[in-house]
């Protein structure tokens, strides 16, 4: 979808999709006009029927190019991947037709002698290159190459150029938790790890206020939606030019922003000088408190998932309102250091009771969940590891589902999830540190269809280097730039192309 002043630059059209039948007026309402009244780029809007002409809808309006990287820590050991949706991948089952699961992806080229394999694997995720230092990758991530291909002069005004966010608890090196990089290896955007910071990054400017201290102080005293309340009433009222369906969508959309704003600020981190008192502190730790000396933190499953889901909902809303088309989101850092407790229930079934420190009979970092990956043994049941991996897939699926509902449906009849290139990956195919080649082989990958460009609905043994998988993905989405050494021969992975 496109906010009037955000040009829609689609992936090159390589498919022939039958559009749904239009049911809308022949003369569209200007999206720019509506947006001007509703706070412009500060809040965005869903694409309404009245904003798309009949001819455009009949032709199957092309969605914009989007690329996002979804990272989860520690990985899924390659032997467990062979179980498909019967094992730890079960939470992805409802999305199976919209995902291509890729097994046998090799990131061995990302191994850097003398560096922890957690860091090497995390740096290689979405870049297929070894790290370039403590705070740099070895090269561009795939989302940034897609952005450069479609917006060579920069993204339009009002759009967040790159959105990076996440919930994570290991900070020793940036590559453990940031997964969007420029070609020179620098981070593509500042990491947003607090819900209120993410909300402000996306929706925080109040219409009519200049940026700076005064705007910031006023922002603290009013909702971002207070600036558009009169137009909100007009477009959802009796004299609105919108039809009943679009009025309902507009109301629901703005109500959701209000709801997410409240959620974000309810997880605030204490009062700001000169502002009204903040609600209670977030139960999640941030900054150095999230990684005290690398020894790990104690956290309940409820605290973890509530914090993550607030972030995931806000990030998905940013995409739905066309405030972001590129970036990354992280659920738990590479080599995460948490001591998790609590009952894990999935669809009414009690899967496990997390109590890492007690089950490991250890304290500090040795009592953290990452130790289950170091203890992995394909000849044993690995029950604790399985429970953790299953839970990670549940939370990844939570984010993906937020882009696959009716509120995320676009003019071509498909959802944002289906129209975008969303890549899900991790750091390792085997958590044991005694063989880096094995550890960086068989790294779990899944991608969405990018508008029908990839063979979704399959689990495929690609048996290829990550660099070739990524370059095939880039080629499919219209990018001329490639990852990796210029002299290296490109090996197209045709089995993933639709």
Protein backbone atom coordinates (compact mmCIF):
# COMPACT_ATOMS: atom_id res chain seq x y z
CA UNK A 1 0.00 0.00 0.00
CA UNK A 2 1.17 3.54 -0.48
CA UNK A 3 0.56 6.77 1.45
CA UNK A 4 -0.24 9.36 -1.24
CA UNK A 5 3.26 10.84 -1.15
CA UNK A 6 4.90 7.42 -0.81
CA UNK A 7 5.32 6.08 -4.34
CA UNK A 8 4.47 2.44 -4.69
CA UNK A 9 7.52 0.79 -6.22
CA UNK A 10 6.65 -2.87 -6.66
CA UNK A 11 8.82 -5.90 -7.11
CA UNK A 12 9.14 -6.60 -10.85
CA UNK A 13 5.97 -8.42 -11.91
CA UNK A 14 6.96 -11.97 -12.79
CA UNK A 15 3.64 -13.63 -11.96
CA UNK A 16 0.12 -13.57 -13.35
CA UNK A 17 -2.34 -13.49 -10.50
CA UNK A 18 -6.12 -13.42 -10.95
CA UNK A 19 -7.40 -10.34 -9.11
CA UNK A 20 -10.44 -10.41 -6.90
CA UNK A 21 -13.56 -8.70 -8.28
CA UNK A 22 -13.65 -4.98 -7.39
CA UNK A 23 -16.57 -3.46 -5.55
CA UNK A 24 -15.79 0.22 -5.37
CA UNK A 25 -16.59 3.56 -6.97
CA UNK A 26 -15.01 4.39 -10.32
CA UNK A 27 -13.69 7.76 -9.10
CA UNK A 28 -11.21 7.25 -6.26
CA UNK A 29 -10.76 9.56 -3.28
CA UNK A 30 -7.28 11.03 -2.99
CA UNK A 31 -5.30 9.20 -0.34
CA UNK A 32 -3.16 12.34 0.04
CA UNK A 33 -6.24 14.39 0.95
CA UNK A 34 -7.35 11.92 3.59
CA UNK A 35 -3.87 11.60 5.01
CA UNK A 36 -3.43 15.36 5.23
CA UNK A 37 -6.48 15.52 7.46
CA UNK A 38 -5.50 12.49 9.50
CA UNK A 39 -2.05 13.56 10.58
CA UNK A 40 -0.23 12.57 7.40
CA UNK A 41 2.72 10.25 7.71
CA UNK A 42 2.55 10.37 11.50
CA UNK A 43 -0.14 7.67 11.64
CA UNK A 44 -0.61 6.25 8.14
CA UNK A 45 -3.80 4.58 6.94
CA UNK A 46 -4.82 1.20 5.56
CA UNK A 47 -5.50 1.15 1.83
CA UNK A 48 -9.24 1.80 1.47
CA UNK A 49 -11.42 0.81 -1.46
CA UNK A 50 -12.26 4.44 -2.25
CA UNK A 51 -8.56 5.22 -2.71
CA UNK A 52 -8.07 2.72 -5.52
CA UNK A 53 -9.67 3.35 -8.90
CA UNK A 54 -11.72 0.59 -10.50
CA UNK A 55 -9.26 0.20 -13.37
CA UNK A 56 -6.30 -0.11 -11.01
CA UNK A 57 -8.08 -2.70 -8.88
CA UNK A 58 -9.21 -4.66 -11.93
CA UNK A 59 -5.60 -4.78 -13.09
CA UNK A 60 -4.48 -6.12 -9.72
CA UNK A 61 -2.66 -3.26 -8.00
CA UNK A 62 0.97 -4.16 -7.35
CA UNK A 63 2.09 -3.99 -3.69
CA UNK A 64 5.28 -2.12 -2.83
CA UNK A 65 8.64 -3.84 -2.44
CA UNK A 66 9.22 -4.85 1.16
CA UNK A 67 11.97 -6.90 2.82
CA UNK A 68 12.23 -7.77 6.52
CA UNK A 69 14.55 -10.08 8.46
CA UNK A 70 13.19 -12.01 11.45
CA UNK A 71 15.86 -13.45 13.74
CA UNK A 72 15.52 -15.85 16.68
CA UNK A 73 18.40 -16.88 18.89
CA UNK A 74 20.28 -20.19 19.23
CA UNK A 75 18.70 -21.96 16.26
CA UNK A 76 17.17 -25.34 15.55
CA UNK A 77 19.59 -28.28 15.39
CA UNK A 78 19.55 -29.75 11.89
CA UNK A 79 18.37 -33.23 13.02
CA UNK A 80 15.24 -31.67 14.55
CA UNK A 81 14.46 -29.86 11.30
CA UNK A 82 13.95 -33.22 9.58
CA UNK A 83 10.83 -33.79 11.71
CA UNK A 84 9.02 -31.04 9.83
CA UNK A 85 5.80 -29.76 11.36
CA UNK A 86 5.57 -32.80 13.63
CA UNK A 87 8.32 -31.39 15.86
CA UNK A 88 9.45 -27.96 16.98
CA UNK A 89 8.15 -26.34 13.79
CA UNK A 90 4.57 -27.17 14.79
CA UNK A 91 3.60 -23.53 15.52
CA UNK A 92 4.32 -22.65 11.90
CA UNK A 93 1.77 -25.20 10.64
CA UNK A 94 -1.10 -22.71 10.10
CA UNK A 95 1.26 -20.68 7.90
CA UNK A 96 2.79 -23.63 6.03
CA UNK A 97 1.23 -22.71 2.66
CA UNK A 98 2.73 -19.23 2.89
CA UNK A 99 6.26 -20.25 3.83
CA UNK A 100 9.13 -21.96 2.10
CA UNK A 101 11.13 -23.85 4.74
CA UNK A 102 14.73 -24.32 3.61
CA UNK A 103 16.96 -26.98 5.15
CA UNK A 104 20.62 -27.54 4.48
CA UNK A 105 21.68 -23.89 4.21
CA UNK A 106 25.43 -23.62 4.77
CA UNK A 107 27.01 -20.57 6.47
CA UNK A 108 30.47 -22.09 6.99
CA UNK A 109 32.03 -19.21 5.05
CA UNK A 110 30.97 -16.99 7.98
CA UNK A 111 33.28 -18.78 10.43
CA UNK A 112 35.98 -16.46 11.72
CA UNK A 113 38.89 -18.02 13.52
CA UNK A 114 39.08 -17.09 17.18
CA UNK A 115 35.52 -15.76 17.33
CA UNK A 116 32.56 -17.33 19.12
CA UNK A 117 30.39 -19.29 16.68
CA UNK A 118 27.24 -17.70 18.15
CA UNK A 119 28.52 -14.36 16.90
CA UNK A 120 29.74 -15.70 13.56
CA UNK A 121 26.41 -17.36 12.81
CA UNK A 122 24.40 -14.33 13.87
CA UNK A 123 26.54 -12.04 11.73
CA UNK A 124 26.07 -14.38 8.79
CA UNK A 125 22.28 -14.34 9.13
CA UNK A 126 20.91 -12.29 6.20
CA UNK A 127 24.43 -11.22 5.09
CA UNK A 128 26.21 -14.55 4.40
CA UNK A 129 29.47 -12.88 5.40
CA UNK A 130 31.68 -13.18 8.50
CA UNK A 131 31.63 -10.29 11.00
CA UNK A 132 33.57 -7.14 10.22
CA UNK A 133 34.32 -6.26 13.83
CA UNK A 134 32.67 -5.96 17.23
CA UNK A 135 29.99 -3.59 15.92
CA UNK A 136 29.93 -4.29 12.18
CA UNK A 137 28.96 -7.01 9.77
CA UNK A 138 31.06 -8.07 6.84
CA UNK A 139 28.64 -6.56 4.35
CA UNK A 140 25.08 -5.67 3.45
CA UNK A 141 22.02 -7.54 4.64
CA UNK A 142 19.46 -8.61 2.06
CA UNK A 143 16.79 -6.16 3.19
CA UNK A 144 19.12 -3.23 2.59
CA UNK A 145 20.04 -4.36 -0.91
CA UNK A 146 16.34 -4.56 -1.76
CA UNK A 147 15.88 -1.07 -0.34
CA UNK A 148 18.78 0.30 -2.37
CA UNK A 149 17.45 -1.31 -5.55
CA UNK A 150 13.98 0.20 -5.20
CA UNK A 151 14.86 3.46 -3.46
CA UNK A 152 18.36 4.39 -4.73
CA UNK A 153 17.83 8.01 -3.69
CA UNK A 154 16.40 7.18 -0.28
CA UNK A 155 12.94 6.29 0.95
CA UNK A 156 10.24 8.96 0.68
CA UNK A 157 9.78 11.60 3.36
CA UNK A 158 7.62 10.39 6.21
CA UNK A 159 8.66 6.75 5.95
CA UNK A 160 11.07 5.20 8.45
CA UNK A 161 13.98 4.29 6.12
CA UNK A 162 14.84 1.15 8.10
CA UNK A 163 13.11 -0.14 11.22
CA UNK A 164 15.16 -2.28 13.61
CA UNK A 165 13.62 -3.58 16.84
CA UNK A 166 13.63 -6.55 19.14
CA UNK A 167 13.56 -8.26 22.50
CA UNK A 168 16.95 -9.73 23.40
CA UNK A 169 19.28 -10.45 26.30
CA UNK A 170 22.88 -10.70 25.09
CA UNK A 171 24.84 -7.62 24.12
CA UNK A 172 28.54 -8.45 23.91
CA UNK A 173 28.61 -7.75 20.16
CA UNK A 174 26.13 -5.83 18.04
CA UNK A 175 25.79 -8.66 15.52
CA UNK A 176 24.11 -10.79 18.18
CA UNK A 177 20.94 -8.71 18.05
CA UNK A 178 21.00 -6.25 15.11
CA UNK A 179 20.22 -7.82 11.73
CA UNK A 180 20.06 -5.02 9.18
CA UNK A 181 23.30 -3.69 7.71
CA UNK A 182 24.55 -1.24 5.10
CA UNK A 183 27.03 -2.38 2.41
CA UNK A 184 29.94 -1.04 4.48
CA UNK A 185 28.90 -3.25 7.39
CA UNK A 186 27.54 -0.44 9.57
CA UNK A 187 24.18 -0.91 11.25
CA UNK A 188 21.34 0.34 9.06
CA UNK A 189 19.32 1.84 11.93
CA UNK A 190 19.30 2.26 15.70
CA UNK A 191 17.89 -0.70 17.59
CA UNK A 192 14.54 0.01 19.27
CA UNK A 193 14.22 -2.28 22.29
CA UNK A 194 11.62 -0.44 24.41
CA UNK A 195 7.99 -0.44 23.26
CA UNK A 196 7.56 3.30 23.80
CA UNK A 197 10.72 4.06 21.81
CA UNK A 198 9.46 1.91 18.95
CA UNK A 199 6.07 3.64 19.03
CA UNK A 200 7.72 7.07 19.00
CA UNK A 201 10.04 6.05 16.17
CA UNK A 202 7.06 5.12 14.02
CA UNK A 203 4.13 7.25 15.18
CA UNK A 204 5.60 9.74 17.62
CA UNK A 205 5.36 13.05 15.79
CA UNK A 206 2.16 14.97 16.48
CA UNK A 207 0.83 16.81 13.42
CA UNK A 208 1.58 20.54 13.45
CA UNK A 209 4.42 20.36 15.98
CA UNK A 210 7.99 21.06 15.01
CA UNK A 211 10.63 18.56 16.02
CA UNK A 212 12.70 19.37 19.08
CA UNK A 213 12.32 19.87 22.80
CA UNK A 214 8.94 21.64 22.68
CA UNK A 215 7.48 18.89 20.47
CA UNK A 216 8.89 16.25 22.76
CA UNK A 217 7.35 17.87 25.84
CA UNK A 218 3.98 18.25 24.15
CA UNK A 219 4.20 14.66 22.90
CA UNK A 220 4.40 13.48 26.48
CA UNK A 221 1.14 15.24 27.37
CA UNK A 222 -1.07 14.10 24.51
CA UNK A 223 -1.73 11.11 22.31
CA UNK A 224 -0.47 11.18 18.76
CA UNK A 225 -4.13 10.78 17.74
CA UNK A 226 -5.30 13.88 19.64
CA UNK A 227 -4.02 15.98 16.74
CA UNK A 228 -6.40 14.32 14.28
CA UNK A 229 -9.53 13.85 16.37
CA UNK A 230 -11.69 16.27 14.31
CA UNK A 231 -10.81 14.59 11.02
CA UNK A 232 -11.24 11.20 12.65
CA UNK A 233 -14.84 12.16 13.50
CA UNK A 234 -15.45 13.48 10.00
CA UNK A 235 -14.18 10.42 8.13
CA UNK A 236 -16.03 8.00 10.40
CA UNK A 237 -19.20 10.11 10.73
CA UNK A 238 -22.45 10.51 8.81
CA UNK A 239 -21.01 12.99 6.26
CA UNK A 240 -17.94 10.90 5.45
CA UNK A 241 -17.22 10.25 1.76
CA UNK A 242 -16.20 6.74 2.74
CA UNK A 243 -18.44 3.72 2.48
CA UNK A 244 -19.53 1.73 5.50
CA UNK A 245 -16.73 -0.84 5.12
CA UNK A 246 -14.01 1.79 4.80
CA UNK A 247 -15.39 3.86 7.68
CA UNK A 248 -15.28 0.77 9.83
CA UNK A 249 -11.72 -0.01 8.73
CA UNK A 250 -10.60 3.57 9.43
CA UNK A 251 -12.16 3.54 12.89
CA UNK A 252 -10.68 0.14 13.71
CA UNK A 253 -7.28 1.24 12.40
CA UNK A 254 -7.12 4.41 14.52
CA UNK A 255 -8.46 2.59 17.54
CA UNK A 256 -5.68 0.05 17.14
CA UNK A 257 -3.06 2.80 17.09
CA UNK A 258 -4.55 4.18 20.29
CA UNK A 259 -4.56 0.71 21.85
CA UNK A 260 -0.96 0.01 20.88
CA UNK A 261 0.11 3.43 22.10
CA UNK A 262 -1.38 2.67 25.49
CA UNK A 263 0.31 -0.72 25.54
CA UNK A 264 3.65 0.77 24.56
CA UNK A 265 3.55 3.44 27.25
CA UNK A 266 2.19 1.07 29.87
CA UNK A 267 5.54 -0.70 29.43
CA UNK A 268 7.43 2.56 29.99
CA UNK A 269 10.68 2.83 31.89
CA UNK A 270 9.90 5.46 34.48
CA UNK A 271 9.06 9.16 34.47
CA UNK A 272 10.53 11.68 32.07
CA UNK A 273 11.45 15.09 33.58
CA UNK A 274 8.68 17.61 32.94
CA UNK A 275 6.16 14.99 31.84
CA UNK A 276 3.18 13.44 33.60
CA UNK A 277 3.97 10.40 35.77
CA UNK A 278 4.59 7.28 33.76
CA UNK A 279 2.77 3.98 34.38
CA UNK A 280 4.63 1.15 36.05
CA UNK A 281 8.07 0.18 34.81
CA UNK A 282 8.50 -2.49 32.18
CA UNK A 283 9.27 -5.86 33.68
CA UNK A 284 11.75 -6.48 30.89
CA UNK A 285 15.32 -5.33 31.35
CA UNK A 286 17.04 -3.18 28.75
CA UNK A 287 20.52 -1.90 28.07
CA UNK A 288 23.26 -3.19 30.33
CA UNK A 289 20.65 -4.48 32.78
CA UNK A 290 19.63 -7.04 30.15
CA UNK A 291 23.10 -8.56 30.14
CA UNK A 292 24.71 -8.04 33.56
CA UNK A 293 28.27 -9.13 33.02
CA UNK A 294 27.11 -11.77 30.56
CA UNK A 295 25.78 -13.85 33.46
CA UNK A 296 22.16 -13.83 32.32
CA UNK A 297 18.87 -12.72 33.82
CA UNK A 298 15.91 -14.41 35.47
CA UNK A 299 12.67 -13.98 33.55
CA UNK A 300 9.28 -15.65 33.41
CA UNK A 301 7.70 -16.91 30.22
CA UNK A 302 4.81 -14.48 30.74
CA UNK A 303 7.16 -11.49 31.07
CA UNK A 304 9.09 -12.52 27.98
CA UNK A 305 6.10 -13.12 25.73
CA UNK A 306 4.12 -10.08 26.85
CA UNK A 307 7.09 -7.82 26.18
CA UNK A 308 7.83 -9.42 22.81
CA UNK A 309 4.22 -9.34 21.64
CA UNK A 310 3.91 -5.64 22.33
CA UNK A 311 6.99 -5.09 20.17
CA UNK A 312 5.76 -7.49 17.47
CA UNK A 313 2.34 -5.83 17.30
CA UNK A 314 3.86 -2.35 17.04
CA UNK A 315 6.30 -3.48 14.34
CA UNK A 316 3.51 -5.14 12.34
CA UNK A 317 1.38 -2.01 12.66
CA UNK A 318 4.26 0.06 11.27
CA UNK A 319 4.26 -2.18 8.20
CA UNK A 320 0.47 -2.14 7.84
CA UNK A 321 0.41 1.67 7.92
CA UNK A 322 3.21 1.82 5.34
CA UNK A 323 5.54 3.55 7.77
CA UNK A 324 8.17 0.85 7.23
CA UNK A 325 9.09 -1.38 4.31
CA UNK A 326 12.57 -2.54 5.31
CA UNK A 327 14.33 -3.67 8.45
CA UNK A 328 14.66 -6.44 11.02
CA UNK A 329 13.11 -7.68 14.23
CA UNK A 330 14.82 -9.92 16.79
CA UNK A 331 13.34 -12.41 19.23
CA UNK A 332 16.19 -13.28 21.60
CA UNK A 333 19.81 -12.61 20.77
CA UNK A 334 22.41 -15.03 19.53
CA UNK A 335 23.70 -16.99 22.50
CA UNK A 336 20.87 -15.52 24.59
CA UNK A 337 21.40 -15.50 28.33
CA UNK A 338 18.10 -16.04 30.13
CA UNK A 339 17.03 -18.31 32.95
CA UNK A 340 13.44 -18.92 31.97
CA UNK A 341 10.70 -20.12 34.31
CA UNK A 342 7.00 -20.86 33.86
CA UNK A 343 4.55 -23.33 32.36
CA UNK A 344 4.54 -23.46 28.56
CA UNK A 345 1.06 -24.24 27.23
CA UNK A 346 0.41 -24.45 23.48
CA UNK A 347 -3.16 -24.72 22.22
CA UNK A 348 -4.37 -26.11 25.51
CA UNK A 349 -1.51 -28.64 25.81
CA UNK A 350 1.06 -28.27 28.53
CA UNK A 351 4.32 -28.68 26.66
CA UNK A 352 6.89 -28.06 29.40
CA UNK A 353 7.63 -26.33 32.67
CA UNK A 354 10.61 -24.03 32.15
CA UNK A 355 13.03 -23.82 35.08
CA UNK A 356 16.42 -23.60 33.41
CA UNK A 357 18.66 -22.98 36.41
CA UNK A 358 17.10 -25.78 38.46
CA UNK A 359 17.05 -28.27 35.60
CA UNK A 360 20.66 -27.46 34.74
CA UNK A 361 21.60 -27.39 38.44
CA UNK A 362 23.71 -24.31 37.82
CA UNK A 363 23.75 -20.56 38.38
CA UNK A 364 24.91 -17.58 36.32
CA UNK A 365 25.47 -18.15 32.63
CA UNK A 366 25.72 -21.91 33.16
CA UNK A 367 22.11 -21.94 34.30
CA UNK A 368 20.84 -20.21 31.16
CA UNK A 369 18.80 -21.75 28.38
CA UNK A 370 21.63 -21.58 25.84
CA UNK A 371 23.30 -24.45 27.71
CA UNK A 372 20.66 -26.84 26.32
CA UNK A 373 22.06 -26.18 22.84
CA UNK A 374 25.60 -26.96 24.03
CA UNK A 375 24.28 -30.22 25.47
CA UNK A 376 22.40 -31.24 22.32
CA UNK A 377 22.73 -34.94 21.47
CA UNK A 378 20.83 -36.34 18.49
CA UNK A 379 20.67 -39.72 20.27
CA UNK A 380 18.74 -38.27 23.22
CA UNK A 381 15.31 -36.70 23.64
CA UNK A 382 16.56 -33.12 24.21
CA UNK A 383 13.24 -32.27 25.85
CA UNK A 384 14.25 -28.88 27.28
CA UNK A 385 15.83 -27.73 24.01
CA UNK A 386 12.74 -28.86 22.09
CA UNK A 387 10.47 -26.88 24.41
CA UNK A 388 12.55 -23.73 24.00
CA UNK A 389 12.71 -24.09 20.21
CA UNK A 390 8.98 -24.79 19.98
CA UNK A 391 8.28 -21.66 22.04
CA UNK A 392 10.51 -19.57 19.77
CA UNK A 393 8.56 -20.77 16.73
CA UNK A 394 5.31 -19.87 18.47
CA UNK A 395 6.50 -16.30 18.99
CA UNK A 396 7.87 -15.97 15.45
CA UNK A 397 4.50 -17.21 14.19
CA UNK A 398 2.77 -14.61 16.35
CA UNK A 399 4.54 -11.83 14.44
CA UNK A 400 3.94 -13.41 11.03
CA UNK A 401 0.24 -13.87 11.78
CA UNK A 402 -0.05 -10.15 12.50
CA UNK A 403 0.76 -9.58 8.82
CA UNK A 404 -1.67 -12.19 7.53
CA UNK A 405 -5.11 -11.12 8.76
CA UNK A 406 -7.85 -9.12 7.09
CA UNK A 407 -6.35 -5.87 8.39
CA UNK A 408 -3.22 -6.73 6.38
CA UNK A 409 -5.02 -7.54 3.11
CA UNK A 410 -3.94 -5.50 0.10
CA UNK A 411 -5.46 -4.42 -3.20
CA UNK A 412 -4.37 -7.59 -5.01
CA UNK A 413 -6.36 -9.72 -2.55
CA UNK A 414 -3.26 -11.09 -0.81
CA UNK A 415 -1.87 -10.19 2.58
CA UNK A 416 1.27 -8.27 3.43
CA UNK A 417 2.82 -11.57 4.52
CA UNK A 418 2.26 -13.05 1.06
CA UNK A 419 3.33 -9.93 -0.86
CA UNK A 420 6.54 -9.25 1.09
CA UNK A 421 9.93 -10.92 1.26
CA UNK A 422 10.19 -11.85 4.92
CA UNK A 423 13.17 -14.02 5.80
CA UNK A 424 13.31 -15.97 9.07
CA UNK A 425 16.66 -17.27 10.25
CA UNK A 426 18.95 -17.84 13.18
CA UNK A 427 22.58 -18.45 14.12
CA UNK A 428 23.20 -22.18 14.20
CA UNK A 429 22.35 -25.60 12.87
CA UNK A 430 23.95 -27.29 15.89
CA UNK A 431 24.66 -25.53 19.17
CA UNK A 432 27.71 -27.53 20.20
CA UNK A 433 30.94 -25.54 19.98
CA UNK A 434 33.22 -28.48 19.21
CA UNK A 435 32.85 -28.30 15.41
CA UNK A 436 32.30 -24.91 13.79
CA UNK A 437 31.69 -26.45 10.37
CA UNK A 438 28.84 -28.52 11.74
CA UNK A 439 27.57 -25.62 13.82
CA UNK A 440 27.30 -23.30 10.80
CA UNK A 441 25.78 -25.89 8.46
CA UNK A 442 22.10 -26.73 8.22
CA UNK A 443 21.04 -23.30 9.53
CA UNK A 444 17.25 -22.99 9.59
CA UNK A 445 15.75 -20.62 7.02
CA UNK A 446 12.21 -19.81 5.95
CA UNK A 447 10.97 -17.18 3.52
CA UNK A 448 7.59 -15.86 2.45
CA UNK A 449 6.51 -15.76 -1.18
CA UNK A 450 7.36 -12.15 -2.11
CA UNK A 451 4.31 -11.92 -4.33
CA UNK A 452 4.61 -15.43 -5.76
CA UNK A 453 8.33 -15.40 -6.51
CA UNK A 454 9.25 -18.31 -4.23
CA UNK A 455 7.87 -21.85 -3.87
CA UNK A 456 5.89 -21.56 -0.68
CA UNK A 457 4.01 -24.48 0.83
CA UNK A 458 7.13 -26.67 0.77
CA UNK A 459 9.96 -27.91 2.95
CA UNK A 460 12.99 -28.04 0.67
CA UNK A 461 16.46 -29.48 1.20
CA UNK A 462 18.39 -26.80 -0.67
CA UNK A 463 21.88 -28.09 0.07
CA UNK A 464 23.42 -24.75 -0.85
CA UNK A 465 25.51 -21.97 0.61
CA UNK A 466 23.60 -19.15 2.20
CA UNK A 467 25.33 -16.70 -0.11
CA UNK A 468 23.76 -18.39 -3.14
CA UNK A 469 20.35 -18.64 -1.49
CA UNK A 470 20.42 -14.92 -0.66
CA UNK A 471 21.64 -13.89 -4.09
CA UNK A 472 18.88 -15.95 -5.70
CA UNK A 473 16.38 -14.14 -3.49
CA UNK A 474 17.86 -10.78 -4.44
CA UNK A 475 17.72 -11.59 -8.14
CA UNK A 476 14.07 -12.64 -7.81
CA UNK A 477 13.17 -9.32 -6.23
CA UNK A 478 14.80 -7.20 -8.90
CA UNK A 479 18.17 -6.45 -7.29
CA UNK A 480 21.29 -6.20 -9.42
CA UNK A 481 23.67 -6.02 -6.46
CA UNK A 482 24.95 -9.29 -5.03
CA UNK A 483 26.30 -10.36 -1.67
CA UNK A 484 29.86 -11.61 -1.35
CA UNK A 485 33.12 -11.35 -3.30
CA UNK A 486 32.73 -9.85 -6.76
CA UNK A 487 34.87 -12.54 -8.39
CA UNK A 488 32.93 -15.43 -6.89
CA UNK A 489 30.76 -17.30 -9.39
CA UNK A 490 27.07 -16.92 -8.63
CA UNK A 491 25.26 -20.26 -8.26
CA UNK A 492 21.54 -19.74 -8.70
CA UNK A 493 19.36 -21.91 -6.43
CA UNK A 494 16.52 -22.60 -8.85
CA UNK A 495 14.66 -24.98 -6.54
CA UNK A 496 13.46 -22.08 -4.39
CA UNK A 497 12.10 -20.02 -7.31
CA UNK A 498 8.45 -20.25 -8.29
